[in-house]
Amino acid sequence: MDPLVVVEPLKQRHCAECRRGPLQRMVLEYEAPRCLDCADLGHLVFLPRGNAALTRRAREASSLWAVVVRHNKRRTRYERQGLLVEEAALVRAEAACLADADVRARRRERDAARRAAEDVRFTGRLTAEILRLFPSCPLDRALDVAAHTSARGSGRVGRTAAGRALDEGAVTAAVRASVRHLDTPYDALLMQGVPRHEARARLAPAIEAVLAAWRVERS
């Protein structure tokens, strides 16, 4: 069952029922905005996103809750801002989180250490794969490419499913991106206002020449 959704409007909106506004949050019913009171959600309190344990516990303890979203124009999608939950449920959730805060802190530390170790191992495997595909690539460059593209939370090639699987196309794309930025005037062209696709096409032969040289086995 889909959760109730409350929207934080980007433009000034007024309730179609009571005419109250501008609304900080609203519910869309038959494409018409309703204030939280008219939508029977006015007794709920807002819990901002950011604390996963508190959010989960408050949601589970609340018999009525709603997801609060706001439209991100740049990403052209709605993004969660938090929840609306019953105040009593939030109080119980806060008490539960305080009771086991030390346990959860130690778990976070263990998880962080585990993820860091995993990242080190993956960066090593990615470096080795770069040098296998491009044996004449300088070692320091291979290390830099691997570290840059595999940074957790970066959204770069190394964090994609193909990158984690050391797919040849994904690894090559990461090396090509490094050459584009460090070995050609690509960034300067962008600063001059040259469209990205035009700059890439203009520099493609130079980039492929570097990659071809790096593919040659060291003598």
Protein backbone atom coordinates (compact mmCIF):
# COMPACT_ATOMS: atom_id res chain seq x y z
CA MET A 1 0.00 0.00 0.00
CA ASP A 2 1.42 3.37 -1.00
CA PRO A 3 2.01 5.85 1.85
CA LEU A 4 0.18 9.15 2.16
CA VAL A 5 2.14 11.92 0.46
CA VAL A 6 2.33 15.54 1.58
CA VAL A 7 3.93 18.10 -0.73
CA GLU A 8 5.97 21.17 0.16
CA PRO A 9 4.97 23.44 -2.75
CA LEU A 10 7.55 25.55 -4.56
CA LYS A 11 4.92 28.17 -5.46
CA GLN A 12 2.32 29.83 -3.29
CA ARG A 13 -0.75 27.61 -3.04
CA HIS A 14 -4.02 28.02 -1.14
CA CYS A 15 -6.34 25.37 0.18
CA ALA A 16 -9.16 24.65 -2.27
CA GLU A 17 -11.51 23.95 0.65
CA CYS A 18 -10.88 26.57 3.36
CA ARG A 19 -8.89 29.03 1.19
CA ARG A 20 -6.12 29.20 3.78
CA GLY A 21 -2.63 29.97 2.50
CA PRO A 22 -0.01 30.23 1.37
CA LEU A 23 0.49 26.62 2.41
CA GLN A 24 3.75 25.31 3.84
CA ARG A 25 2.59 21.75 3.17
CA MET A 26 -0.40 20.40 1.30
CA VAL A 27 -2.15 17.27 0.10
CA LEU A 28 -3.31 17.00 -3.50
CA GLU A 29 -6.81 15.55 -3.78
CA TYR A 30 -8.17 15.29 -7.31
CA GLU A 31 -5.40 17.69 -8.42
CA ALA A 32 -6.60 20.34 -5.93
CA PRO A 33 -4.50 21.42 -2.92
CA ARG A 34 -5.80 20.82 0.59
CA CYS A 35 -4.25 22.14 3.79
CA LEU A 36 -3.30 19.55 6.39
CA ASP A 37 -6.28 20.42 8.60
CA CYS A 38 -8.74 19.88 5.76
CA ALA A 39 -6.93 16.65 4.85
CA ASP A 40 -7.26 15.45 8.49
CA LEU A 41 -3.49 15.48 8.98
CA GLY A 42 -3.19 18.70 10.96
CA HIS A 43 -2.56 16.90 14.25
CA LEU A 44 0.66 15.30 12.97
CA VAL A 45 4.12 16.74 13.66
CA PHE A 46 7.00 17.02 11.21
CA LEU A 47 10.09 14.82 11.61
CA PRO A 48 12.90 15.92 9.25
CA ARG A 49 14.90 13.27 7.44
CA GLY A 50 18.43 12.50 8.60
CA ASN A 51 18.03 10.11 11.55
CA ALA A 52 17.20 6.70 10.13
CA ALA A 53 16.60 4.99 13.48
CA LEU A 54 14.32 7.75 14.77
CA THR A 55 12.40 7.86 11.49
CA ARG A 56 11.88 4.10 11.44
CA ARG A 57 10.73 3.93 15.05
CA ALA A 58 8.43 6.94 14.78
CA ARG A 59 6.83 5.52 11.64
CA GLU A 60 6.29 2.13 13.26
CA ALA A 61 4.80 3.68 16.40
CA SER A 62 2.45 6.03 14.55
CA SER A 63 -0.94 4.70 13.49
CA LEU A 64 -1.14 7.51 10.91
CA TRP A 65 1.83 8.95 9.07
CA ALA A 66 2.69 10.60 5.77
CA VAL A 67 5.78 11.14 3.64
CA VAL A 68 6.73 14.78 3.01
CA VAL A 69 8.28 15.52 -0.40
CA ARG A 70 9.49 18.53 -2.35
CA HIS A 71 10.14 18.79 -6.08
CA ASN A 72 13.79 19.23 -7.08
CA LYS A 73 13.77 21.19 -10.34
CA ARG A 74 17.39 20.42 -11.17
CA ARG A 75 16.93 16.67 -10.78
CA THR A 76 13.34 16.78 -12.03
CA ARG A 77 12.06 14.52 -9.27
CA TYR A 78 10.37 14.61 -5.89
CA GLU A 79 12.68 14.10 -2.92
CA ARG A 80 11.80 13.10 0.64
CA GLN A 81 12.06 15.81 3.26
CA GLY A 82 10.83 13.80 6.23
CA LEU A 83 7.67 12.38 7.77
CA LEU A 84 4.54 13.60 9.48
CA VAL A 85 3.85 11.40 12.51
CA GLU A 86 1.77 11.43 15.65
CA GLU A 87 3.43 13.43 18.40
CA ALA A 88 3.09 10.63 20.95
CA ALA A 89 4.77 8.24 18.53
CA LEU A 90 7.66 10.65 18.06
CA VAL A 91 8.12 10.98 21.82
CA ARG A 92 8.26 7.20 22.22
CA ALA A 93 10.68 6.89 19.33
CA GLU A 94 12.98 9.55 20.77
CA ALA A 95 13.01 7.76 24.14
CA ALA A 96 13.86 4.45 22.47
CA CYS A 97 16.70 6.03 20.50
CA LEU A 98 18.17 7.61 23.63
CA ALA A 99 18.04 4.26 25.42
CA ASP A 100 20.24 2.44 22.91
CA ALA A 101 22.29 5.37 21.52
CA ASP A 102 25.61 3.84 22.65
CA VAL A 103 24.84 0.49 21.02
CA ARG A 104 23.94 2.13 17.71
CA ALA A 105 27.04 4.36 17.85
CA ARG A 106 29.30 1.31 18.24
CA ARG A 107 27.46 -0.41 15.38
CA ARG A 108 28.02 2.63 13.15
CA GLU A 109 31.73 2.59 14.00
CA ARG A 110 32.00 -1.09 13.08
CA ASP A 111 30.08 -0.54 9.86
CA ALA A 112 32.28 2.43 8.93
CA ALA A 113 35.45 0.40 9.52
CA ARG A 114 34.07 -2.47 7.44
CA ARG A 115 33.13 -0.16 4.56
CA ALA A 116 36.55 1.52 4.67
CA ALA A 117 38.29 -1.86 4.44
CA GLU A 118 36.04 -2.87 1.55
CA ASP A 119 36.85 0.38 -0.25
CA VAL A 120 40.60 -0.15 0.16
CA ARG A 121 40.34 -3.67 -1.26
CA PHE A 122 38.20 -2.54 -4.18
CA THR A 123 40.49 0.39 -5.00
CA GLY A 124 43.40 -2.07 -5.12
CA ARG A 125 41.52 -4.38 -7.49
CA LEU A 126 40.52 -1.44 -9.67
CA THR A 127 44.12 -0.20 -9.83
CA ALA A 128 45.28 -3.65 -10.90
CA GLU A 129 42.59 -3.80 -13.60
CA ILE A 130 43.57 -0.36 -14.93
CA LEU A 131 47.18 -1.50 -15.22
CA ARG A 132 46.12 -4.73 -16.91
CA LEU A 133 44.17 -2.84 -19.56
CA PHE A 134 46.69 0.01 -19.79
CA PRO A 135 50.08 -1.48 -18.83
CA SER A 136 51.97 1.72 -19.75
CA CYS A 137 49.75 3.95 -17.64
CA PRO A 138 51.89 5.54 -14.90
CA LEU A 139 51.31 3.89 -11.54
CA ASP A 140 50.51 7.14 -9.76
CA ARG A 141 47.88 7.94 -12.40
CA ALA A 142 46.31 4.49 -12.07
CA LEU A 143 46.15 4.95 -8.31
CA ASP A 144 44.59 8.39 -8.67
CA VAL A 145 42.00 7.18 -11.18
CA ALA A 146 41.05 4.23 -8.98
CA ALA A 147 40.74 6.38 -5.85
CA HIS A 148 38.79 9.11 -7.62
CA THR A 149 36.31 6.93 -9.47
CA SER A 150 35.63 4.57 -6.55
CA ALA A 151 35.00 7.22 -3.87
CA ARG A 152 31.93 6.18 -1.87
CA GLY A 153 28.93 8.40 -2.48
CA SER A 154 30.50 10.06 -5.52
CA GLY A 155 28.16 8.50 -8.08
CA ARG A 156 31.14 8.03 -10.40
CA VAL A 157 31.82 5.07 -12.67
CA GLY A 158 33.53 3.05 -9.96
CA ARG A 159 30.37 3.11 -7.83
CA THR A 160 28.11 1.75 -10.60
CA ALA A 161 27.29 -1.94 -10.88
CA ALA A 162 29.52 -2.20 -13.95
CA GLY A 163 32.36 -0.45 -12.17
CA ARG A 164 32.09 -2.65 -9.09
CA ALA A 165 32.22 -5.66 -11.41
CA LEU A 166 35.38 -4.23 -13.04
CA ASP A 167 33.65 -4.20 -16.41
CA GLU A 168 36.19 -3.32 -19.10
CA GLY A 169 33.99 -0.60 -20.56
CA ALA A 170 33.46 1.05 -17.17
CA VAL A 171 37.16 0.93 -16.28
CA THR A 172 38.11 2.36 -19.67
CA ALA A 173 35.53 5.14 -19.23
CA ALA A 174 37.14 6.11 -15.92
CA VAL A 175 40.62 6.24 -17.46
CA ARG A 176 39.32 8.17 -20.47
CA ALA A 177 37.72 10.75 -18.16
CA SER A 178 41.04 11.22 -16.37
CA VAL A 179 42.89 11.75 -19.65
CA ARG A 180 40.21 14.17 -20.83
CA HIS A 181 40.56 16.39 -17.77
CA LEU A 182 44.30 16.12 -17.10
CA ASP A 183 45.93 15.64 -20.49
CA THR A 184 43.85 17.84 -22.79
CA PRO A 185 42.49 21.43 -22.72
CA TYR A 186 38.97 20.07 -22.19
CA ASP A 187 38.31 22.04 -18.99
CA ALA A 188 39.61 25.23 -20.61
CA LEU A 189 37.25 24.73 -23.55
CA LEU A 190 34.30 24.40 -21.19
CA MET A 191 35.32 27.62 -19.44
CA GLN A 192 35.39 29.32 -22.85
CA GLY A 193 31.78 28.31 -23.39
CA VAL A 194 32.34 25.44 -25.81
CA PRO A 195 29.45 22.95 -25.47
CA ARG A 196 30.44 19.76 -23.68
CA HIS A 197 29.65 17.42 -26.60
CA GLU A 198 31.54 19.64 -29.05
CA ALA A 199 34.58 19.80 -26.74
CA ARG A 200 34.59 16.02 -26.37
CA ALA A 201 34.35 15.47 -30.11
CA ARG A 202 37.14 17.98 -30.77
CA LEU A 203 39.51 16.29 -28.33
CA ALA A 204 38.57 12.66 -29.00
CA PRO A 205 41.59 11.94 -31.26
CA ALA A 206 44.07 13.26 -28.67
CA ILE A 207 42.40 11.28 -25.90
CA GLU A 208 42.41 8.06 -27.92
CA ALA A 209 46.09 8.61 -28.76
CA VAL A 210 46.98 8.68 -25.06
CA LEU A 211 44.88 5.59 -24.38
CA ALA A 212 46.50 3.77 -27.30
CA ALA A 213 49.98 4.59 -25.96
CA TRP A 214 49.00 3.33 -22.51
CA ARG A 215 47.68 0.07 -23.94
CA VAL A 216 51.15 -0.84 -25.22
CA GLU A 217 53.07 -3.24 -23.01
CA ARG A 218 56.11 -1.75 -21.31
CA SER A 219 59.32 -2.87 -22.95
